[in-house]
PDB file of N, CA and C in Angstrom:
ATOM      1  N   MET A   1      82.628 122.113 100.225  1.00  0.00           N
ATOM      2  CA  MET A   1      82.447 120.706 100.901  1.00  0.00           C
ATOM      3  C   MET A   1      80.793 120.632 101.100  1.00  0.00           C
ATOM      4  N   SER A   2      80.228 119.669 100.936  1.00  0.00           N
ATOM      5  CA  SER A   2      78.674 119.683 101.265  1.00  0.00           C
ATOM      6  C   SER A   2      78.416 118.985 102.624  1.00  0.00           C
ATOM      7  N   PHE A   3      76.999 119.062 102.993  1.00  0.00           N
ATOM      8  CA  PHE A   3      76.660 118.351 104.174  1.00  0.00           C
ATOM      9  C   PHE A   3      76.868 117.012 104.107  1.00  0.00           C
ATOM     10  N   GLU A   4      76.540 116.319 103.014  1.00  0.00           N
ATOM     11  CA  GLU A   4      76.704 114.956 102.787  1.00  0.00           C
ATOM     12  C   GLU A   4      78.157 114.621 102.975  1.00  0.00           C
ATOM     13  N   THR A   5      79.134 115.233 102.371  1.00  0.00           N
ATOM     14  CA  THR A   5      80.315 114.980 102.634  1.00  0.00           C
ATOM     15  C   THR A   5      80.950 115.052 103.909  1.00  0.00           C
ATOM     16  N   SER A   6      80.618 116.108 104.639  1.00  0.00           N
ATOM     17  CA  SER A   6      80.732 116.160 106.066  1.00  0.00           C
ATOM     18  C   SER A   6      80.457 115.101 106.999  1.00  0.00           C
ATOM     19  N   LEU A   7      79.079 114.695 106.527  1.00  0.00           N
ATOM     20  CA  LEU A   7      78.422 113.551 107.371  1.00  0.00           C
ATOM     21  C   LEU A   7      79.182 112.383 107.176  1.00  0.00           C
ATOM     22  N   GLU A   8      79.529 112.066 105.841  1.00  0.00           N
ATOM     23  CA  GLU A   8      80.409 110.863 105.557  1.00  0.00           C
ATOM     24  C   GLU A   8      81.698 110.806 106.177  1.00  0.00           C
ATOM     25  N   ARG A   9      82.416 112.006 106.239  1.00  0.00           N
ATOM     26  CA  ARG A   9      83.680 112.100 106.951  1.00  0.00           C
ATOM     27  C   ARG A   9      83.477 111.808 108.566  1.00  0.00           C
ATOM     28  N   LEU A  10      82.362 112.366 108.986  1.00  0.00           N
ATOM     29  CA  LEU A  10      82.237 112.137 110.546  1.00  0.00           C
ATOM     30  C   LEU A  10      81.883 110.807 110.805  1.00  0.00           C
ATOM     31  N   GLU A  11      81.239 110.035 109.916  1.00  0.00           N
ATOM     32  CA  GLU A  11      81.035 108.546 110.095  1.00  0.00           C
ATOM     33  C   GLU A  11      82.349 107.847 109.998  1.00  0.00           C
ATOM     34  N   ALA A  12      83.153 108.313 109.015  1.00  0.00           N
ATOM     35  CA  ALA A  12      84.434 107.575 109.061  1.00  0.00           C
ATOM     36  C   ALA A  12      85.147 107.668 110.186  1.00  0.00           C
ATOM     37  N   ILE A  13      85.237 109.006 110.851  1.00  0.00           N
ATOM     38  CA  ILE A  13      86.028 109.504 111.910  1.00  0.00           C
ATOM     39  C   ILE A  13      85.567 108.654 113.060  1.00  0.00           C
ATOM     40  N   ALA A  14      84.180 108.457 113.397  1.00  0.00           N
ATOM     41  CA  ALA A  14      83.544 107.735 114.298  1.00  0.00           C
ATOM     42  C   ALA A  14      83.890 106.440 114.240  1.00  0.00           C
ATOM     43  N   ALA A  15      84.091 105.683 113.195  1.00  0.00           N
ATOM     44  CA  ALA A  15      84.472 104.313 112.972  1.00  0.00           C
ATOM     45  C   ALA A  15      85.987 104.141 113.428  1.00  0.00           C
ATOM     46  N   ARG A  16      86.832 105.138 112.921  1.00  0.00           N
ATOM     47  CA  ARG A  16      88.207 105.046 113.225  1.00  0.00           C
ATOM     48  C   ARG A  16      88.478 105.192 114.835  1.00  0.00           C
ATOM     49  N   LEU A  17      87.657 105.906 115.466  1.00  0.00           N
ATOM     50  CA  LEU A  17      87.772 106.311 116.935  1.00  0.00           C
ATOM     51  C   LEU A  17      87.256 105.091 117.744  1.00  0.00           C
ATOM     52  N   GLU A  18      86.564 104.182 117.288  1.00  0.00           N
ATOM     53  CA  GLU A  18      86.245 103.133 117.874  1.00  0.00           C
ATOM     54  C   GLU A  18      87.234 101.921 117.774  1.00  0.00           C
ATOM     55  N   ASP A  19      88.338 102.099 117.033  1.00  0.00           N
ATOM     56  CA  ASP A  19      89.375 101.129 117.035  1.00  0.00           C
ATOM     57  C   ASP A  19      90.285 101.118 118.349  1.00  0.00           C
ATOM     58  N   ASP A  20      90.252  99.999 118.766  1.00  0.00           N
ATOM     59  CA  ASP A  20      91.034  99.893 120.123  1.00  0.00           C
ATOM     60  C   ASP A  20      92.590 100.002 119.890  1.00  0.00           C
ATOM     61  N   GLU A  21      93.043  99.836 118.598  1.00  0.00           N
ATOM     62  CA  GLU A  21      94.452  99.909 118.382  1.00  0.00           C
ATOM     63  C   GLU A  21      94.996 101.274 118.116  1.00  0.00           C
ATOM     64  N   LEU A  22      94.122 102.298 118.042  1.00  0.00           N
ATOM     65  CA  LEU A  22      94.531 103.640 117.577  1.00  0.00           C
ATOM     66  C   LEU A  22      95.152 104.216 118.733  1.00  0.00           C
ATOM     67  N   GLU A  23      96.299 104.857 118.253  1.00  0.00           N
ATOM     68  CA  GLU A  23      97.054 105.615 119.337  1.00  0.00           C
ATOM     69  C   GLU A  23      96.518 106.912 119.799  1.00  0.00           C
ATOM     70  N   LEU A  24      96.850 107.346 120.872  1.00  0.00           N
ATOM     71  CA  LEU A  24      96.220 108.454 121.403  1.00  0.00           C
ATOM     72  C   LEU A  24      96.444 109.865 120.641  1.00  0.00           C
ATOM     73  N   ASP A  25      97.644 109.988 120.253  1.00  0.00           N
ATOM     74  CA  ASP A  25      97.760 111.172 119.253  1.00  0.00           C
ATOM     75  C   ASP A  25      96.937 111.194 118.093  1.00  0.00           C
ATOM     76  N   ALA A  26      96.901 109.926 117.258  1.00  0.00           N
ATOM     77  CA  ALA A  26      96.010 109.837 116.213  1.00  0.00           C
ATOM     78  C   ALA A  26      94.548 110.024 116.582  1.00  0.00           C
ATOM     79  N   ALA A  27      94.099 109.605 117.809  1.00  0.00           N
ATOM     80  CA  ALA A  27      92.604 109.689 118.163  1.00  0.00           C
ATOM     81  C   ALA A  27      92.339 111.094 118.471  1.00  0.00           C
ATOM     82  N   LEU A  28      93.388 111.780 119.023  1.00  0.00           N
ATOM     83  CA  LEU A  28      92.996 113.291 119.488  1.00  0.00           C
ATOM     84  C   LEU A  28      92.933 114.040 118.115  1.00  0.00           C
ATOM     85  N   ALA A  29      93.919 113.813 117.107  1.00  0.00           N
ATOM     86  CA  ALA A  29      93.690 114.346 115.748  1.00  0.00           C
ATOM     87  C   ALA A  29      92.465 114.155 115.115  1.00  0.00           C
ATOM     88  N   LEU A  30      91.933 112.907 115.273  1.00  0.00           N
ATOM     89  CA  LEU A  30      90.609 112.572 114.635  1.00  0.00           C
ATOM     90  C   LEU A  30      89.507 113.334 115.257  1.00  0.00           C
ATOM     91  N   PHE A  31      89.676 113.485 116.608  1.00  0.00           N
ATOM     92  CA  PHE A  31      88.722 114.065 117.443  1.00  0.00           C
ATOM     93  C   PHE A  31      88.637 115.527 116.940  1.00  0.00           C
ATOM     94  N   GLU A  32      89.709 116.240 116.958  1.00  0.00           N
ATOM     95  CA  GLU A  32      89.873 117.688 116.482  1.00  0.00           C
ATOM     96  C   GLU A  32      89.166 117.774 115.058  1.00  0.00           C
ATOM     97  N   GLU A  33      89.536 116.894 114.205  1.00  0.00           N
ATOM     98  CA  GLU A  33      88.957 116.835 112.723  1.00  0.00           C
ATOM     99  C   GLU A  33      87.423 116.775 112.919  1.00  0.00           C
ATOM    100  N   GLY A  34      86.928 115.908 113.747  1.00  0.00           N
ATOM    101  CA  GLY A  34      85.599 115.439 113.989  1.00  0.00           C
ATOM    102  C   GLY A  34      84.943 116.802 114.379  1.00  0.00           C
ATOM    103  N   ILE A  35      85.351 117.393 115.335  1.00  0.00           N
ATOM    104  CA  ILE A  35      84.731 118.710 115.855  1.00  0.00           C
ATOM    105  C   ILE A  35      84.513 119.738 114.700  1.00  0.00           C
ATOM    106  N   ALA A  36      85.590 119.960 113.852  1.00  0.00           N
ATOM    107  CA  ALA A  36      85.524 120.925 112.672  1.00  0.00           C
ATOM    108  C   ALA A  36      84.557 120.290 111.706  1.00  0.00           C
ATOM    109  N   GLU A  37      84.440 119.132 111.518  1.00  0.00           N
ATOM    110  CA  GLU A  37      83.340 118.526 110.433  1.00  0.00           C
ATOM    111  C   GLU A  37      82.032 118.870 111.092  1.00  0.00           C
ATOM    112  N   LEU A  38      81.889 118.595 112.353  1.00  0.00           N
ATOM    113  CA  LEU A  38      80.523 118.748 113.074  1.00  0.00           C
ATOM    114  C   LEU A  38      80.084 120.247 112.959  1.00  0.00           C
ATOM    115  N   ARG A  39      81.081 121.168 113.105  1.00  0.00           N
ATOM    116  CA  ARG A  39      80.686 122.630 113.065  1.00  0.00           C
ATOM    117  C   ARG A  39      80.333 122.909 111.679  1.00  0.00           C
ATOM    118  N   ALA A  40      80.876 122.364 110.532  1.00  0.00           N
ATOM    119  CA  ALA A  40      80.572 122.528 109.171  1.00  0.00           C
ATOM    120  C   ALA A  40      79.302 122.014 109.016  1.00  0.00           C
ATOM    121  N   ALA A  41      79.003 120.715 109.371  1.00  0.00           N
ATOM    122  CA  ALA A  41      77.645 120.324 109.060  1.00  0.00           C
ATOM    123  C   ALA A  41      76.714 121.037 109.727  1.00  0.00           C
ATOM    124  N   SER A  42      76.933 121.525 110.800  1.00  0.00           N
ATOM    125  CA  SER A  42      75.922 122.408 111.657  1.00  0.00           C
ATOM    126  C   SER A  42      75.632 123.487 110.978  1.00  0.00           C
ATOM    127  N   ALA A  43      76.667 124.263 110.372  1.00  0.00           N
ATOM    128  CA  ALA A  43      76.550 125.512 109.625  1.00  0.00           C
ATOM    129  C   ALA A  43      75.625 125.086 108.372  1.00  0.00           C
ATOM    130  N   PHE A  44      75.783 124.171 107.594  1.00  0.00           N
ATOM    131  CA  PHE A  44      75.007 123.704 106.400  1.00  0.00           C
ATOM    132  C   PHE A  44      73.592 123.550 106.936  1.00  0.00           C
ATOM    133  N   LEU A  45      73.289 123.072 107.979  1.00  0.00           N
ATOM    134  CA  LEU A  45      72.015 122.864 108.512  1.00  0.00           C
ATOM    135  C   LEU A  45      71.373 124.137 108.862  1.00  0.00           C
ATOM    136  N   SER A  46      72.012 124.836 109.545  1.00  0.00           N
ATOM    137  CA  SER A  46      71.493 126.271 109.868  1.00  0.00           C
ATOM    138  C   SER A  46      71.131 127.082 108.689  1.00  0.00           C
ATOM    139  N   GLN A  47      71.911 126.968 107.619  1.00  0.00           N
ATOM    140  CA  GLN A  47      71.711 127.590 106.412  1.00  0.00           C
ATOM    141  C   GLN A  47      70.377 127.145 105.743  1.00  0.00           C
ATOM    142  N   ALA A  48      70.203 125.841 105.811  1.00  0.00           N
ATOM    143  CA  ALA A  48      69.015 125.113 105.148  1.00  0.00           C
ATOM    144  C   ALA A  48      67.815 125.501 105.975  1.00  0.00           C
ATOM    145  N   GLU A  49      67.941 125.670 107.260  1.00  0.00           N
ATOM    146  CA  GLU A  49      66.904 125.972 108.121  1.00  0.00           C
ATOM    147  C   GLU A  49      66.418 127.461 107.888  1.00  0.00           C
ATOM    148  N   THR A  50      67.370 128.452 107.528  1.00  0.00           N
ATOM    149  CA  THR A  50      67.094 129.822 107.372  1.00  0.00           C
ATOM    150  C   THR A  50      66.309 129.855 106.017  1.00  0.00           C
ATOM    151  N   ARG A  51      66.766 129.184 105.031  1.00  0.00           N
ATOM    152  CA  ARG A  51      66.301 129.092 103.724  1.00  0.00           C
ATOM    153  C   ARG A  51      64.756 128.570 103.747  1.00  0.00           C
ATOM    154  N   LEU A  52      64.612 127.544 104.650  1.00  0.00           N
ATOM    155  CA  LEU A  52      63.135 127.001 104.921  1.00  0.00           C
ATOM    156  C   LEU A  52      62.281 127.922 105.532  1.00  0.00           C
ATOM    157  N   LYS A  53      62.836 128.646 106.497  1.00  0.00           N
ATOM    158  CA  LYS A  53      62.031 129.797 107.147  1.00  0.00           C
ATOM    159  C   LYS A  53      61.534 130.793 106.259  1.00  0.00           C
ATOM    160  N   HIS A  54      62.283 131.025 105.083  1.00  0.00           N
ATOM    161  CA  HIS A  54      61.943 132.049 104.321  1.00  0.00           C
ATOM    162  C   HIS A  54      61.070 131.663 103.068  1.00  0.00           C
ATOM    163  N   LEU A  55      60.830 130.301 103.084  1.00  0.00           N
ATOM    164  CA  LEU A  55      60.057 129.806 101.869  1.00  0.00           C
ATOM    165  C   LEU A  55      58.592 130.087 102.264  1.00  0.00           C
ATOM    166  N   ASN A  56      57.867 130.558 101.325  1.00  0.00           N
ATOM    167  CA  ASN A  56      56.511 130.876 101.440  1.00  0.00           C
ATOM    168  C   ASN A  56      55.691 130.478 100.349  1.00  0.00           C
ATOM    169  N   GLU A  57      54.426 130.044 100.607  1.00  0.00           N
ATOM    170  CA  GLU A  57      53.649 129.503  99.484  1.00  0.00           C
ATOM    171  C   GLU A  57      52.575 130.792  99.146  1.00  0.00           C
ATOM    172  N   ALA A  58      52.693 131.134  97.856  1.00  0.00           N
ATOM    173  CA  ALA A  58      51.761 132.087  97.552  1.00  0.00           C
ATOM    174  C   ALA A  58      50.356 131.586  97.379  1.00  0.00           C
ATOM    175  N   ALA A  59      49.429 132.534  97.117  1.00  0.00           N
ATOM    176  CA  ALA A  59      47.994 132.172  97.092  1.00  0.00           C
ATOM    177  C   ALA A  59      47.679 131.171  95.884  1.00  0.00           C
ATOM    178  N   ASP A  60      48.603 131.150  94.824  1.00  0.00           N
ATOM    179  CA  ASP A  60      48.312 130.382  93.733  1.00  0.00           C
ATOM    180  C   ASP A  60      48.760 129.020  93.901  1.00  0.00           C
ATOM    181  N   GLY A  61      49.423 128.790  95.059  1.00  0.00           N
ATOM    182  CA  GLY A  61      50.185 127.457  95.268  1.00  0.00           C
ATOM    183  C   GLY A  61      51.698 127.394  94.956  1.00  0.00           C
ATOM    184  N   VAL A  62      52.225 128.486  94.280  1.00  0.00           N
ATOM    185  CA  VAL A  62      53.494 128.567  93.899  1.00  0.00           C
ATOM    186  C   VAL A  62      54.494 128.985  95.107  1.00  0.00           C
ATOM    187  N   PHE A  63      55.455 128.287  95.456  1.00  0.00           N
ATOM    188  CA  PHE A  63      56.503 128.658  96.539  1.00  0.00           C
ATOM    189  C   PHE A  63      57.548 129.693  95.958  1.00  0.00           C
ATOM    190  N   ARG A  64      57.708 130.565  96.907  1.00  0.00           N
ATOM    191  CA  ARG A  64      58.775 131.515  96.518  1.00  0.00           C
ATOM    192  C   ARG A  64      59.537 131.663  97.842  1.00  0.00           C
ATOM    193  N   VAL A  65      60.969 132.007  97.534  1.00  0.00           N
ATOM    194  CA  VAL A  65      61.776 132.352  98.683  1.00  0.00           C
ATOM    195  C   VAL A  65      61.996 133.656  98.978  1.00  0.00           C
ATOM    196  N   ASP A  66      61.643 134.268 100.007  1.00  0.00           N
ATOM    197  CA  ASP A  66      61.862 135.573 100.473  1.00  0.00           C
ATOM    198  C   ASP A  66      63.392 135.750 100.873  1.00  0.00           C
ATOM    199  N   GLU A  67      63.965 136.545 100.207  1.00  0.00           N
ATOM    200  CA  GLU A  67      65.372 136.961 100.508  1.00  0.00           C
ATOM    201  C   GLU A  67      65.471 138.012 101.640  1.00  0.00           C
TER     202      GLU A  67
END
């Protein structure tokens, strides 16, 4: 799953949770799913941040990723 997919699912969950007709059990299940999606999206962002921190520009203007 990608960051974008997690974000889309989070948006769908938030929209469903705003529904006044939603039963409590369904709302709790969606909330739990939302927490899992939030953690997944956060992990994607953390990985991207780590890669950006390792990105360096060489003297000739070429970028490289330090592993």
